[in-house]
Amino acid sequence: MKSKVFEWFGVITAILYSMMVALNVGVEFAGFLLLLISAISIGYWAYLGQHKGILFLQFFYATAGIIGMVRWY
Protein backbone atom coordinates (compact mmCIF):
# COMPACT_ATOMS: atom_id res chain seq x y z
CA MET A 1 0.00 0.00 0.00
CA LYS A 2 2.80 2.44 0.92
CA SER A 3 4.47 2.02 -2.46
CA LYS A 4 1.20 2.82 -4.28
CA VAL A 5 1.10 6.22 -2.54
CA PHE A 6 4.53 7.10 -3.94
CA GLU A 7 3.60 5.79 -7.37
CA TRP A 8 0.39 7.79 -7.68
CA PHE A 9 1.75 10.92 -5.99
CA GLY A 10 4.55 10.85 -8.56
CA VAL A 11 2.09 10.39 -11.41
CA ILE A 12 -0.11 13.29 -10.28
CA THR A 13 2.83 15.66 -9.80
CA ALA A 14 4.19 14.69 -13.24
CA ILE A 15 0.82 15.45 -14.83
CA LEU A 16 0.68 18.82 -13.07
CA TYR A 17 4.26 19.57 -14.17
CA SER A 18 3.53 18.83 -17.81
CA MET A 19 0.38 20.96 -17.82
CA MET A 20 2.08 23.90 -16.09
CA VAL A 21 4.94 23.94 -18.60
CA ALA A 22 2.72 23.31 -21.64
CA LEU A 23 0.30 26.10 -20.74
CA ASN A 24 3.20 28.60 -20.67
CA VAL A 25 1.56 30.82 -18.04
CA GLY A 26 4.71 31.81 -16.18
CA VAL A 27 4.85 29.04 -13.59
CA GLU A 28 7.63 27.04 -15.19
CA PHE A 29 9.83 27.11 -12.08
CA ALA A 30 7.06 25.54 -9.99
CA GLY A 31 6.50 23.04 -12.79
CA PHE A 32 10.12 21.95 -12.79
CA LEU A 33 10.00 21.67 -9.01
CA LEU A 34 7.04 19.31 -9.43
CA LEU A 35 9.06 17.31 -11.95
CA LEU A 36 11.82 16.90 -9.38
CA ILE A 37 9.32 15.89 -6.68
CA SER A 38 7.69 13.45 -9.11
CA ALA A 39 11.05 11.89 -10.01
CA ILE A 40 11.91 11.41 -6.34
CA SER A 41 8.53 9.87 -5.58
CA ILE A 42 8.45 7.54 -8.57
CA GLY A 43 12.13 6.75 -8.05
CA TYR A 44 11.43 5.65 -4.50
CA TRP A 45 8.49 3.56 -5.70
CA ALA A 46 10.73 1.99 -8.35
CA TYR A 47 13.41 1.28 -5.76
CA LEU A 48 10.90 -0.44 -3.46
CA GLY A 49 9.57 -2.56 -6.32
CA GLN A 50 12.99 -3.20 -7.83
CA HIS A 51 11.98 -1.60 -11.15
CA LYS A 52 15.53 -0.81 -12.17
CA GLY A 53 14.74 0.70 -15.57
CA ILE A 54 12.19 3.12 -14.13
CA LEU A 55 14.55 4.01 -11.28
CA PHE A 56 17.32 4.77 -13.79
CA LEU A 57 14.94 6.94 -15.82
CA GLN A 58 13.98 8.95 -12.72
CA PHE A 59 17.60 10.06 -12.28
CA PHE A 60 17.35 11.77 -15.67
CA TYR A 61 13.95 13.32 -14.89
CA ALA A 62 15.32 14.63 -11.60
CA THR A 63 18.30 16.09 -13.45
CA ALA A 64 15.96 17.74 -15.97
CA GLY A 65 13.94 19.22 -13.09
CA ILE A 66 17.06 20.67 -11.48
CA ILE A 67 18.34 22.08 -14.79
CA GLY A 68 14.92 23.59 -15.49
CA MET A 69 14.78 25.28 -12.09
CA VAL A 70 18.32 26.66 -12.46
CA ARG A 71 17.60 28.02 -15.94
CA TRP A 72 14.28 29.62 -14.96
CA TYR A 73 15.58 31.16 -11.76
C-alpha atoms as a PDB file:
ATOM      1  CA  MET A   1       0.000   0.000   0.000  1.00  0.00           C
ATOM      2  CA  LYS A   2       2.804   2.435   0.916  1.00  0.00           C
ATOM      3  CA  SER A   3       4.466   2.025  -2.465  1.00  0.00           C
ATOM      4  CA  LYS A   4       1.201   2.823  -4.276  1.00  0.00           C
ATOM      5  CA  VAL A   5       1.097   6.217  -2.545  1.00  0.00           C
ATOM      6  CA  PHE A   6       4.532   7.098  -3.937  1.00  0.00           C
ATOM      7  CA  GLU A   7       3.605   5.787  -7.373  1.00  0.00           C
ATOM      8  CA  TRP A   8       0.389   7.792  -7.683  1.00  0.00           C
ATOM      9  CA  PHE A   9       1.748  10.916  -5.994  1.00  0.00           C
ATOM     10  CA  GLY A  10       4.548  10.850  -8.563  1.00  0.00           C
ATOM     11  CA  VAL A  11       2.087  10.391 -11.410  1.00  0.00           C
ATOM     12  CA  ILE A  12      -0.111  13.287 -10.277  1.00  0.00           C
ATOM     13  CA  THR A  13       2.830  15.656  -9.797  1.00  0.00           C
ATOM     14  CA  ALA A  14       4.189  14.690 -13.238  1.00  0.00           C
ATOM     15  CA  ILE A  15       0.817  15.453 -14.828  1.00  0.00           C
ATOM     16  CA  LEU A  16       0.681  18.821 -13.071  1.00  0.00           C
ATOM     17  CA  TYR A  17       4.259  19.565 -14.165  1.00  0.00           C
ATOM     18  CA  SER A  18       3.534  18.827 -17.810  1.00  0.00           C
ATOM     19  CA  MET A  19       0.379  20.961 -17.824  1.00  0.00           C
ATOM     20  CA  MET A  20       2.084  23.898 -16.092  1.00  0.00           C
ATOM     21  CA  VAL A  21       4.940  23.937 -18.597  1.00  0.00           C
ATOM     22  CA  ALA A  22       2.725  23.309 -21.643  1.00  0.00           C
ATOM     23  CA  LEU A  23       0.301  26.101 -20.741  1.00  0.00           C
ATOM     24  CA  ASN A  24       3.196  28.599 -20.667  1.00  0.00           C
ATOM     25  CA  VAL A  25       1.560  30.817 -18.042  1.00  0.00           C
ATOM     26  CA  GLY A  26       4.715  31.809 -16.181  1.00  0.00           C
ATOM     27  CA  VAL A  27       4.855  29.043 -13.586  1.00  0.00           C
ATOM     28  CA  GLU A  28       7.633  27.040 -15.190  1.00  0.00           C
ATOM     29  CA  PHE A  29       9.833  27.113 -12.080  1.00  0.00           C
ATOM     30  CA  ALA A  30       7.056  25.543  -9.994  1.00  0.00           C
ATOM     31  CA  GLY A  31       6.496  23.037 -12.789  1.00  0.00           C
ATOM     32  CA  PHE A  32      10.122  21.948 -12.791  1.00  0.00           C
ATOM     33  CA  LEU A  33       9.996  21.673  -9.010  1.00  0.00           C
ATOM     34  CA  LEU A  34       7.035  19.311  -9.427  1.00  0.00           C
ATOM     35  CA  LEU A  35       9.060  17.306 -11.953  1.00  0.00           C
ATOM     36  CA  LEU A  36      11.820  16.903  -9.376  1.00  0.00           C
ATOM     37  CA  ILE A  37       9.316  15.889  -6.683  1.00  0.00           C
ATOM     38  CA  SER A  38       7.693  13.451  -9.112  1.00  0.00           C
ATOM     39  CA  ALA A  39      11.052  11.892 -10.008  1.00  0.00           C
ATOM     40  CA  ILE A  40      11.909  11.411  -6.338  1.00  0.00           C
ATOM     41  CA  SER A  41       8.531   9.869  -5.582  1.00  0.00           C
ATOM     42  CA  ILE A  42       8.451   7.538  -8.572  1.00  0.00           C
ATOM     43  CA  GLY A  43      12.129   6.754  -8.046  1.00  0.00           C
ATOM     44  CA  TYR A  44      11.430   5.648  -4.497  1.00  0.00           C
ATOM     45  CA  TRP A  45       8.486   3.562  -5.701  1.00  0.00           C
ATOM     46  CA  ALA A  46      10.731   1.986  -8.350  1.00  0.00           C
ATOM     47  CA  TYR A  47      13.408   1.278  -5.755  1.00  0.00           C
ATOM     48  CA  LEU A  48      10.895  -0.435  -3.462  1.00  0.00           C
ATOM     49  CA  GLY A  49       9.568  -2.558  -6.318  1.00  0.00           C
ATOM     50  CA  GLN A  50      12.989  -3.204  -7.834  1.00  0.00           C
ATOM     51  CA  HIS A  51      11.981  -1.598 -11.145  1.00  0.00           C
ATOM     52  CA  LYS A  52      15.535  -0.812 -12.174  1.00  0.00           C
ATOM     53  CA  GLY A  53      14.736   0.698 -15.571  1.00  0.00           C
ATOM     54  CA  ILE A  54      12.188   3.118 -14.125  1.00  0.00           C
ATOM     55  CA  LEU A  55      14.551   4.010 -11.279  1.00  0.00           C
ATOM     56  CA  PHE A  56      17.318   4.769 -13.789  1.00  0.00           C
ATOM     57  CA  LEU A  57      14.936   6.944 -15.822  1.00  0.00           C
ATOM     58  CA  GLN A  58      13.983   8.951 -12.721  1.00  0.00           C
ATOM     59  CA  PHE A  59      17.595  10.064 -12.277  1.00  0.00           C
ATOM     60  CA  PHE A  60      17.350  11.769 -15.670  1.00  0.00           C
ATOM     61  CA  TYR A  61      13.951  13.316 -14.894  1.00  0.00           C
ATOM     62  CA  ALA A  62      15.316  14.629 -11.596  1.00  0.00           C
ATOM     63  CA  THR A  63      18.304  16.088 -13.451  1.00  0.00           C
ATOM     64  CA  ALA A  64      15.959  17.738 -15.970  1.00  0.00           C
ATOM     65  CA  GLY A  65      13.943  19.223 -13.090  1.00  0.00           C
ATOM     66  CA  ILE A  66      17.058  20.671 -11.481  1.00  0.00           C
ATOM     67  CA  ILE A  67      18.335  22.081 -14.788  1.00  0.00           C
ATOM     68  CA  GLY A  68      14.916  23.586 -15.495  1.00  0.00           C
ATOM     69  CA  MET A  69      14.779  25.280 -12.093  1.00  0.00           C
ATOM     70  CA  VAL A  70      18.316  26.659 -12.457  1.00  0.00           C
ATOM     71  CA  ARG A  71      17.596  28.024 -15.940  1.00  0.00           C
ATOM     72  CA  TRP A  72      14.279  29.622 -14.963  1.00  0.00           C
ATOM     73  CA  TYR A  73      15.583  31.157 -11.758  1.00  0.00           C
END
